[in-house]
Amino acid sequence: MSDTMQPFYCGTQYMDWQSANCDRCKKGTDWSNMPPAFRCDIEEALSLAAIREGSIPLPIAEQEKQL
């Protein structure tokens, strides 16, 4: 059994989710700083997954289910 999971089918699905959720959240990333300052573990894990292999740790996936 893997300790990671792939939450999105493709990058476009991730971007749609981020736009509908993270971009509207008060804990969303502060893009005015470089490097960006993540304020949310879920958004950070999803963003890193988008530029890596697409998987996030299961504990993060469990948090995401509770949203």
Protein backbone atom coordinates (compact mmCIF):
# COMPACT_ATOMS: atom_id res chain seq x y z
CA MET A 1 0.00 0.00 0.00
CA SER A 2 1.29 3.43 -0.96
CA ASP A 3 1.59 6.31 1.48
CA THR A 4 0.69 8.80 -1.27
CA MET A 5 -2.20 9.36 -3.66
CA GLN A 6 -2.82 11.29 -6.85
CA PRO A 7 -5.78 13.65 -6.24
CA PHE A 8 -6.19 14.95 -9.80
CA TYR A 9 -6.36 13.34 -13.21
CA CYS A 10 -4.31 16.08 -14.86
CA GLY A 11 -2.82 19.52 -14.31
CA THR A 12 -5.87 21.27 -15.72
CA GLN A 13 -8.10 19.58 -13.15
CA TYR A 14 -5.71 20.78 -10.42
CA MET A 15 -5.75 24.36 -11.74
CA ASP A 16 -9.57 24.34 -11.81
CA TRP A 17 -9.66 23.14 -8.20
CA GLN A 18 -7.07 25.69 -7.09
CA SER A 19 -8.95 28.52 -8.78
CA ALA A 20 -12.24 27.53 -7.15
CA ASN A 21 -10.74 26.94 -3.70
CA CYS A 22 -7.23 28.18 -2.88
CA ASP A 23 -7.47 31.43 -4.81
CA ARG A 24 -10.59 32.39 -2.84
CA CYS A 25 -9.37 31.24 0.58
CA LYS A 26 -8.01 33.66 3.19
CA LYS A 27 -5.16 31.18 3.73
CA GLY A 28 -4.24 31.20 0.04
CA THR A 29 -0.66 31.75 -1.03
CA ASP A 30 0.78 35.25 -0.84
CA TRP A 31 2.09 35.58 -4.40
CA SER A 32 3.40 39.09 -3.76
CA ASN A 33 6.51 37.60 -2.12
CA MET A 34 9.18 35.69 -3.97
CA PRO A 35 9.47 32.89 -3.24
CA PRO A 36 5.73 32.61 -2.57
CA ALA A 37 4.74 32.15 1.06
CA PHE A 38 2.44 29.16 1.49
CA ARG A 39 0.01 29.56 4.40
CA CYS A 40 -1.76 26.23 3.96
CA ASP A 41 -0.32 22.69 4.08
CA ILE A 42 -2.89 21.43 1.57
CA GLU A 43 -2.18 24.10 -1.03
CA GLU A 44 1.57 23.66 -0.60
CA ALA A 45 1.36 19.87 -1.07
CA LEU A 46 -0.88 20.21 -4.13
CA SER A 47 1.36 22.86 -5.69
CA LEU A 48 4.46 20.75 -5.18
CA ALA A 49 2.67 17.70 -6.57
CA ALA A 50 1.75 19.69 -9.68
CA ILE A 51 5.42 20.29 -10.50
CA ARG A 52 6.55 16.83 -9.43
CA GLU A 53 4.93 13.45 -10.02
CA GLY A 54 1.40 14.48 -9.01
CA SER A 55 1.12 12.65 -5.68
CA ILE A 56 0.46 14.02 -2.21
CA PRO A 57 0.97 12.36 1.19
CA LEU A 58 -2.07 10.51 2.56
CA PRO A 59 -2.30 12.71 5.70
CA ILE A 60 -2.76 15.74 3.42
CA ALA A 61 -5.37 13.86 1.38
CA GLU A 62 -7.29 13.13 4.58
CA GLN A 63 -7.31 16.86 5.45
CA GLU A 64 -8.58 17.64 1.95
CA LYS A 65 -11.55 15.29 2.41
CA GLN A 66 -12.67 17.32 5.40
CA LEU A 67 -12.97 20.56 3.41
